[in-house]
Amino acid sequence: MAPPAAAVPAKPMSAQAKRMIIIAAIVVAVLAALGIAYPVLNATVFGARPVAERYLQSIESGQYERANGIADPQLEGGRDALLKDNAAKAGKRMSNVQISATRSNGNVETVSFTYTVAGRMQSDTISVSPSGSRYLFFKNWKVTTPLLKDLAVYTTDSMTALDINGITVTEKNASEASGSGSSAMTFKVYPGEYAVSAHKSKYVTSDTVTVVAASRYSATARAIRPKATRQLTTDIEAAIKQKLDVCARSTEMAPPDCPIRGYAFYGDDSYKDIKWSITSYPRVSSVSPTGGSFYTSRGSATLSYQQKSFFDDSWEPQSDRTSIYLSGSFTLNGDELKVDLDDSGY
């Protein structure tokens, strides 16, 4: 007969498993000592509703980063810029949060609640689902539908950055954006009232607009209208002066790509010693940071030259004065300005 097989030694328990058994034993002992029933504890401490309450209370109290830890907003690349605690310090957050009902559908708990934003009561829901267990006996719950709302604003290309509740954001922080002349940007936020304005720059400012983000408010873009600073007008006029000074160095009756022009009625060989001087530079009379355009008041230039006499070929000094009217466009990239003069009328 073959000798009996040697007994296989039991695999030792891991340290983590031992800790979990010890913790579970302690929990059971404490519950037994306190006379607390499992169903009661499961509903009041480890249930779905307490997790929902902690989540909603975190948003209501402005602890946005704590709320992010309970329900991951899953926004990357800076798109969660307005879901930070600093964004909760300005504006007005949701308030008067009240859970009204909890409905079960399989493993998913739907929590219904109300809150107040901008003086109006709002109704909303979040979903809470189990994710593993706690202390072996209790389910671990997670909020699976973050309470995110859309804050949509309508801007122009002259505004490359906005201040929302004191946080500077750009197109890269938006969840959606459309550019080219005008820009509608949508940001993910928690419910509340948000103060929105153009980020202060050398050339553009704006009034502060209050935008509401809540369940009963439409996400239609709210217009943020830029205003030109005095510096924008000054620098456009400086660009005009630089252009006209270049034109005034020309020795031609009609300098190319310039808003100044003399008329050679008798042919080019009848004129010489042509000189231009700017008598008065045009001043910007209107500027539109929304459309990126500007117009000027009247300026003037003087043309002096020698003209050959039609009778005896002698040369006589002559001078003419011409008016200068200008319009054009400009583009802004932060504090960088590019000015283009409209040459369609030259």
Protein backbone atom coordinates (compact mmCIF):
# COMPACT_ATOMS: atom_id res chain seq x y z
CA MET A 1 0.00 0.00 0.00
CA ALA A 2 1.19 3.48 -0.85
CA PRO A 3 2.02 5.73 2.10
CA PRO A 4 -0.59 8.40 2.91
CA ALA A 5 -0.11 11.73 1.10
CA ALA A 6 1.44 14.52 3.10
CA ALA A 7 -0.98 17.26 4.20
CA VAL A 8 -0.74 20.48 2.13
CA PRO A 9 -0.05 23.42 4.45
CA ALA A 10 -2.76 26.09 4.44
CA LYS A 11 -1.84 29.35 2.63
CA PRO A 12 -1.25 32.03 5.23
CA MET A 13 -3.79 34.85 5.36
CA SER A 14 -2.66 38.25 4.04
CA ALA A 15 -2.22 41.14 6.45
CA GLN A 16 -5.02 43.06 4.76
CA ALA A 17 -7.45 40.13 5.09
CA LYS A 18 -6.57 39.80 8.76
CA ARG A 19 -7.22 43.50 9.30
CA MET A 20 -10.62 43.31 7.58
CA ILE A 21 -11.67 40.33 9.73
CA ILE A 22 -10.55 42.12 12.88
CA ILE A 23 -12.39 45.33 11.89
CA ALA A 24 -15.52 43.34 11.01
CA ALA A 25 -15.39 41.53 14.34
CA ILE A 26 -15.03 44.84 16.18
CA VAL A 27 -17.95 46.34 14.25
CA VAL A 28 -20.16 43.32 15.03
CA ALA A 29 -19.16 43.45 18.70
CA VAL A 30 -19.88 47.18 18.95
CA LEU A 31 -23.24 46.80 17.23
CA ALA A 32 -24.16 43.95 19.54
CA ALA A 33 -23.10 45.95 22.58
CA LEU A 34 -25.12 48.96 21.49
CA GLY A 35 -28.06 46.89 20.41
CA ILE A 36 -28.07 48.46 16.94
CA ALA A 37 -29.68 46.32 14.28
CA TYR A 38 -27.95 45.85 10.90
CA PRO A 39 -30.88 47.21 8.84
CA VAL A 40 -30.95 50.42 10.89
CA LEU A 41 -27.22 51.04 10.49
CA ASN A 42 -27.32 50.14 6.81
CA ALA A 43 -30.03 52.72 6.21
CA THR A 44 -28.76 55.56 8.39
CA VAL A 45 -24.97 55.35 8.12
CA PHE A 46 -23.92 53.15 5.23
CA GLY A 47 -26.90 53.61 2.91
CA ALA A 48 -27.30 55.52 -0.34
CA ARG A 49 -29.14 58.47 1.20
CA PRO A 50 -26.35 59.48 3.63
CA VAL A 51 -23.89 59.54 0.73
CA ALA A 52 -26.26 61.75 -1.27
CA GLU A 53 -26.66 64.05 1.76
CA ARG A 54 -22.89 64.44 2.15
CA TYR A 55 -22.55 65.21 -1.54
CA LEU A 56 -25.30 67.84 -1.63
CA GLN A 57 -24.13 69.42 1.63
CA SER A 58 -20.61 69.72 0.22
CA ILE A 59 -21.89 71.68 -2.79
CA GLU A 60 -24.21 73.82 -0.66
CA SER A 61 -21.37 74.75 1.71
CA GLY A 62 -18.95 75.56 -1.12
CA GLN A 63 -16.72 72.51 -0.57
CA TYR A 64 -16.61 71.77 -4.26
CA GLU A 65 -13.40 69.75 -4.16
CA ARG A 66 -14.86 67.49 -1.48
CA ALA A 67 -17.92 66.99 -3.71
CA ASN A 68 -15.60 66.07 -6.60
CA GLY A 69 -14.21 63.28 -4.43
CA ILE A 70 -17.70 61.89 -3.83
CA ALA A 71 -18.80 62.13 -7.47
CA ASP A 72 -16.00 62.43 -10.01
CA PRO A 73 -17.02 65.05 -12.62
CA GLN A 74 -14.69 63.34 -15.12
CA LEU A 75 -13.45 66.58 -16.65
CA GLU A 76 -9.85 66.82 -17.79
CA GLY A 77 -7.52 69.41 -19.26
CA GLY A 78 -8.62 72.27 -17.01
CA ARG A 79 -12.33 71.91 -17.80
CA ASP A 80 -13.02 71.55 -14.08
CA ALA A 81 -11.66 75.06 -13.35
CA LEU A 82 -15.02 76.24 -11.98
CA LEU A 83 -15.49 73.16 -9.80
CA LYS A 84 -12.86 74.28 -7.29
CA ASP A 85 -13.40 75.76 -3.84
CA ASN A 86 -12.20 79.18 -5.05
CA ALA A 87 -15.08 79.35 -7.53
CA ALA A 88 -17.54 78.97 -4.64
CA LYS A 89 -16.28 82.05 -2.79
CA ALA A 90 -17.95 84.56 -5.11
CA GLY A 91 -21.45 84.61 -6.55
CA LYS A 92 -24.25 82.71 -4.78
CA ARG A 93 -24.41 78.96 -4.29
CA MET A 94 -27.50 76.79 -4.13
CA SER A 95 -29.20 76.78 -0.73
CA ASN A 96 -32.06 75.20 1.23
CA VAL A 97 -31.29 71.69 -0.02
CA GLN A 98 -34.00 69.19 0.97
CA ILE A 99 -34.12 65.52 -0.02
CA SER A 100 -37.74 64.66 -0.82
CA ALA A 101 -37.63 61.00 -1.86
CA THR A 102 -35.43 58.00 -2.60
CA ARG A 103 -36.50 55.46 -5.20
CA SER A 104 -34.88 52.05 -5.80
CA ASN A 105 -34.48 50.49 -9.25
CA GLY A 106 -32.36 47.39 -8.93
CA ASN A 107 -29.01 48.44 -7.48
CA VAL A 108 -29.52 52.10 -8.38
CA GLU A 109 -30.99 54.55 -5.88
CA THR A 110 -32.49 57.73 -7.38
CA VAL A 111 -32.49 60.57 -4.88
CA SER A 112 -34.93 63.43 -5.50
CA PHE A 113 -34.33 66.80 -3.86
CA THR A 114 -35.07 70.51 -4.06
CA TYR A 115 -32.88 73.57 -3.65
CA THR A 116 -33.02 77.33 -4.17
CA VAL A 117 -31.09 79.40 -6.70
CA ALA A 118 -31.80 83.05 -7.59
CA GLY A 119 -34.89 83.02 -5.37
CA ARG A 120 -36.51 80.11 -7.20
CA MET A 121 -37.00 76.57 -5.98
CA GLN A 122 -35.42 73.96 -8.22
CA SER A 123 -36.10 70.22 -8.46
CA ASP A 124 -33.45 67.70 -9.41
CA THR A 125 -32.25 64.12 -8.98
CA ILE A 126 -28.96 62.26 -8.63
CA SER A 127 -28.24 58.55 -8.89
CA VAL A 128 -26.35 56.57 -6.28
CA SER A 129 -25.01 53.08 -7.02
CA PRO A 130 -23.10 50.46 -4.97
CA SER A 131 -19.36 50.21 -5.53
CA GLY A 132 -17.82 47.39 -3.52
CA SER A 133 -18.33 46.94 0.21
CA ARG A 134 -17.30 48.45 3.53
CA TYR A 135 -16.36 46.38 6.56
CA LEU A 136 -17.50 43.21 4.73
CA PHE A 137 -21.16 43.70 5.65
CA PHE A 138 -22.14 47.05 4.17
CA LYS A 139 -22.36 48.33 0.62
CA ASN A 140 -20.10 51.18 -0.44
CA TRP A 141 -22.18 53.74 -2.35
CA LYS A 142 -21.06 56.32 -4.93
CA VAL A 143 -22.87 59.19 -6.64
CA THR A 144 -22.81 58.28 -10.32
CA THR A 145 -24.52 61.37 -11.81
CA PRO A 146 -22.64 64.54 -10.75
CA LEU A 147 -24.83 67.61 -10.23
CA LEU A 148 -23.24 69.57 -13.09
CA LYS A 149 -24.96 72.41 -14.93
CA ASP A 150 -24.06 74.36 -18.05
CA LEU A 151 -23.00 77.99 -17.80
CA ALA A 152 -23.07 79.38 -21.33
CA VAL A 153 -21.75 82.79 -22.39
CA TYR A 154 -21.55 84.53 -25.74
CA THR A 155 -18.41 86.58 -26.38
CA THR A 156 -16.37 87.93 -29.29
CA ASP A 157 -12.85 87.24 -30.49
CA SER A 158 -11.72 90.47 -28.83
CA MET A 159 -12.20 88.74 -25.47
CA THR A 160 -9.75 85.88 -25.13
CA ALA A 161 -10.32 85.42 -21.39
CA LEU A 162 -13.19 85.79 -18.93
CA ASP A 163 -13.42 86.19 -15.17
CA ILE A 164 -16.11 83.93 -13.69
CA ASN A 165 -16.53 84.23 -9.93
CA GLY A 166 -12.99 85.60 -9.83
CA ILE A 167 -11.52 82.64 -11.74
CA THR A 168 -9.84 83.50 -15.06
CA VAL A 169 -10.90 81.06 -17.78
CA THR A 170 -10.35 80.76 -21.51
CA GLU A 171 -11.65 78.58 -24.30
CA LYS A 172 -9.46 75.69 -23.12
CA ASN A 173 -11.46 75.57 -19.86
CA ALA A 174 -14.79 75.28 -21.68
CA SER A 175 -16.59 72.00 -22.22
CA GLU A 176 -17.83 73.38 -25.56
CA ALA A 177 -16.66 76.36 -27.62
CA SER A 178 -17.18 77.81 -31.08
CA GLY A 179 -14.86 80.50 -32.42
CA SER A 180 -14.34 82.56 -35.61
CA GLY A 181 -15.61 86.10 -35.05
CA SER A 182 -17.91 85.19 -32.21
CA SER A 183 -17.60 82.60 -29.53
CA ALA A 184 -20.15 80.71 -27.48
CA MET A 185 -18.43 79.01 -24.57
CA THR A 186 -20.04 76.58 -22.16
CA PHE A 187 -18.53 75.75 -18.77
CA LYS A 188 -19.45 72.98 -16.35
CA VAL A 189 -20.44 74.35 -12.93
CA TYR A 190 -22.40 73.45 -9.81
CA PRO A 191 -25.81 75.15 -9.39
CA GLY A 192 -25.63 78.81 -8.45
CA GLU A 193 -25.33 82.40 -9.63
CA TYR A 194 -22.07 83.34 -11.34
CA ALA A 195 -20.53 86.78 -11.91
CA VAL A 196 -19.09 86.93 -15.43
CA SER A 197 -17.03 89.69 -17.06
CA ALA A 198 -14.24 90.15 -19.57
CA HIS A 199 -10.85 89.54 -18.02
CA LYS A 200 -9.23 92.92 -17.47
CA SER A 201 -6.82 93.69 -20.30
CA LYS A 202 -5.13 96.70 -21.85
CA TYR A 203 -7.72 97.02 -24.60
CA VAL A 204 -11.04 95.53 -23.47
CA THR A 205 -13.28 95.64 -20.44
CA SER A 206 -16.97 94.87 -19.83
CA ASP A 207 -19.79 95.14 -17.35
CA THR A 208 -20.28 92.24 -14.94
CA VAL A 209 -23.19 90.00 -15.87
CA THR A 210 -24.91 87.53 -13.54
CA VAL A 211 -25.52 84.12 -15.11
CA VAL A 212 -27.71 81.53 -13.39
CA ALA A 213 -26.99 77.82 -13.68
CA ALA A 214 -29.77 75.57 -12.36
CA SER A 215 -32.20 72.88 -13.45
CA ARG A 216 -34.97 75.28 -14.53
CA TYR A 217 -32.75 77.75 -16.34
CA SER A 218 -31.94 77.40 -20.00
CA ALA A 219 -28.32 77.06 -21.07
CA THR A 220 -28.82 79.70 -23.80
CA ALA A 221 -25.63 81.75 -24.03
CA ARG A 222 -25.67 85.07 -22.17
CA ALA A 223 -23.93 87.89 -24.04
CA ILE A 224 -20.85 89.50 -22.50
CA ARG A 225 -20.39 92.73 -24.42
CA PRO A 226 -16.85 94.13 -24.59
CA LYS A 227 -16.05 97.82 -24.16
CA ALA A 228 -13.02 99.49 -25.68
CA THR A 229 -10.55 101.11 -23.33
CA ARG A 230 -8.96 104.46 -24.10
CA GLN A 231 -5.71 102.61 -24.73
CA LEU A 232 -7.28 100.76 -27.67
CA THR A 233 -8.20 104.05 -29.35
CA THR A 234 -4.75 105.50 -28.61
CA ASP A 235 -2.90 102.53 -30.10
CA ILE A 236 -5.10 102.40 -33.21
CA GLU A 237 -4.34 106.09 -33.79
CA ALA A 238 -0.64 105.36 -33.32
CA ALA A 239 -0.86 102.63 -35.99
CA ILE A 240 -2.61 105.07 -38.35
CA LYS A 241 0.08 107.71 -37.78
CA GLN A 242 2.83 105.19 -38.48
CA LYS A 243 1.14 104.19 -41.75
CA LEU A 244 0.63 107.80 -42.88
CA ASP A 245 4.21 108.74 -42.04
CA VAL A 246 5.39 105.97 -44.37
CA CYS A 247 3.04 107.23 -47.08
CA ALA A 248 4.29 110.80 -46.65
CA ARG A 249 7.84 109.71 -47.54
CA SER A 250 6.69 108.78 -51.02
CA THR A 251 7.70 110.86 -54.06
CA GLU A 252 4.72 109.71 -56.12
CA MET A 253 1.51 111.57 -56.82
CA ALA A 254 -0.50 108.51 -55.73
CA PRO A 255 1.53 106.44 -53.25
CA PRO A 256 0.47 102.79 -53.49
CA ASP A 257 -1.69 101.39 -50.66
CA CYS A 258 -2.05 104.86 -49.16
CA PRO A 259 -5.11 107.05 -48.44
CA ILE A 260 -3.44 110.16 -49.94
CA ARG A 261 -3.55 110.94 -53.64
CA GLY A 262 -2.77 113.76 -56.05
CA TYR A 263 -3.93 113.92 -59.64
CA ALA A 264 -1.59 114.15 -62.64
CA PHE A 265 -3.77 115.67 -65.33
CA TYR A 266 -0.95 116.21 -67.83
CA GLY A 267 1.08 113.04 -67.48
CA ASP A 268 3.83 112.09 -65.06
CA ASP A 269 6.55 113.93 -66.97
CA SER A 270 4.81 117.22 -66.20
CA TYR A 271 5.54 116.94 -62.44
CA LYS A 272 8.68 116.78 -60.32
CA ASP A 273 9.94 117.42 -56.79
CA ILE A 274 6.85 115.75 -55.35
CA LYS A 275 6.60 115.99 -51.56
CA TRP A 276 3.91 114.97 -49.12
CA SER A 277 3.29 116.17 -45.57
CA ILE A 278 0.54 115.23 -43.14
CA THR A 279 -1.24 118.40 -42.05
CA SER A 280 -3.50 116.73 -39.48
CA TYR A 281 -3.77 113.09 -38.54
CA PRO A 282 -7.24 111.46 -38.50
CA ARG A 283 -8.59 110.71 -35.03
CA VAL A 284 -10.59 107.58 -34.22
CA SER A 285 -14.23 108.64 -33.95
CA SER A 286 -15.74 105.23 -33.22
CA VAL A 287 -14.39 101.81 -32.37
CA SER A 288 -16.28 98.54 -32.02
CA PRO A 289 -14.58 95.80 -30.03
CA THR A 290 -17.57 93.60 -30.83
CA GLY A 291 -17.06 93.81 -34.59
CA GLY A 292 -13.35 94.59 -34.50
CA SER A 293 -13.74 97.72 -36.63
CA PHE A 294 -13.11 101.47 -36.37
CA TYR A 295 -13.74 104.75 -38.22
CA THR A 296 -11.93 108.07 -38.09
CA SER A 297 -12.74 111.72 -38.36
CA ARG A 298 -11.23 113.76 -41.24
CA GLY A 299 -7.51 114.28 -41.49
CA SER A 300 -5.60 116.12 -44.20
CA ALA A 301 -2.35 116.04 -46.16
CA THR A 302 -0.53 118.61 -48.27
CA LEU A 303 1.06 117.80 -51.62
CA SER A 304 3.71 120.17 -53.01
CA TYR A 305 5.39 119.79 -56.41
CA GLN A 306 6.80 121.53 -59.48
CA GLN A 307 4.54 121.56 -62.54
CA LYS A 308 5.74 122.17 -66.09
CA SER A 309 4.06 125.09 -67.80
CA PHE A 310 1.89 124.13 -70.76
CA PHE A 311 3.10 127.22 -72.67
CA ASP A 312 6.87 127.58 -72.24
CA ASP A 313 8.07 124.43 -70.41
CA SER A 314 9.02 126.43 -67.33
CA TRP A 315 8.47 124.92 -63.88
CA GLU A 316 6.15 126.47 -61.37
CA PRO A 317 5.61 125.51 -57.69
CA GLN A 318 2.18 124.14 -56.87
CA SER A 319 0.45 122.69 -53.82
CA ASP A 320 -2.78 120.81 -53.13
CA ARG A 321 -4.54 119.70 -49.99
CA THR A 322 -6.39 116.38 -49.75
CA SER A 323 -8.69 115.02 -47.07
CA ILE A 324 -8.04 111.73 -45.32
CA TYR A 325 -10.87 109.50 -44.14
CA LEU A 326 -10.02 106.10 -42.77
CA SER A 327 -11.69 102.96 -41.56
CA GLY A 328 -10.28 99.58 -40.79
CA SER A 329 -10.31 96.51 -38.65
CA PHE A 330 -8.29 95.18 -35.77
CA THR A 331 -7.74 91.88 -34.03
CA LEU A 332 -6.78 91.26 -30.43
CA ASN A 333 -4.91 88.41 -28.84
CA GLY A 334 -4.82 89.34 -25.19
CA ASP A 335 -2.74 92.52 -25.08
CA GLU A 336 -1.49 92.12 -28.65
CA LEU A 337 -3.09 94.44 -31.22
CA LYS A 338 -3.02 94.15 -35.02
CA VAL A 339 -4.49 96.99 -37.10
CA ASP A 340 -5.49 96.71 -40.77
CA LEU A 341 -6.51 99.83 -42.71
CA ASP A 342 -9.27 99.47 -45.28
CA ASP A 343 -7.75 100.32 -48.67
CA SER A 344 -10.94 99.76 -50.68
CA GLY A 345 -11.45 103.51 -51.07
CA TYR A 346 -7.87 104.45 -52.00
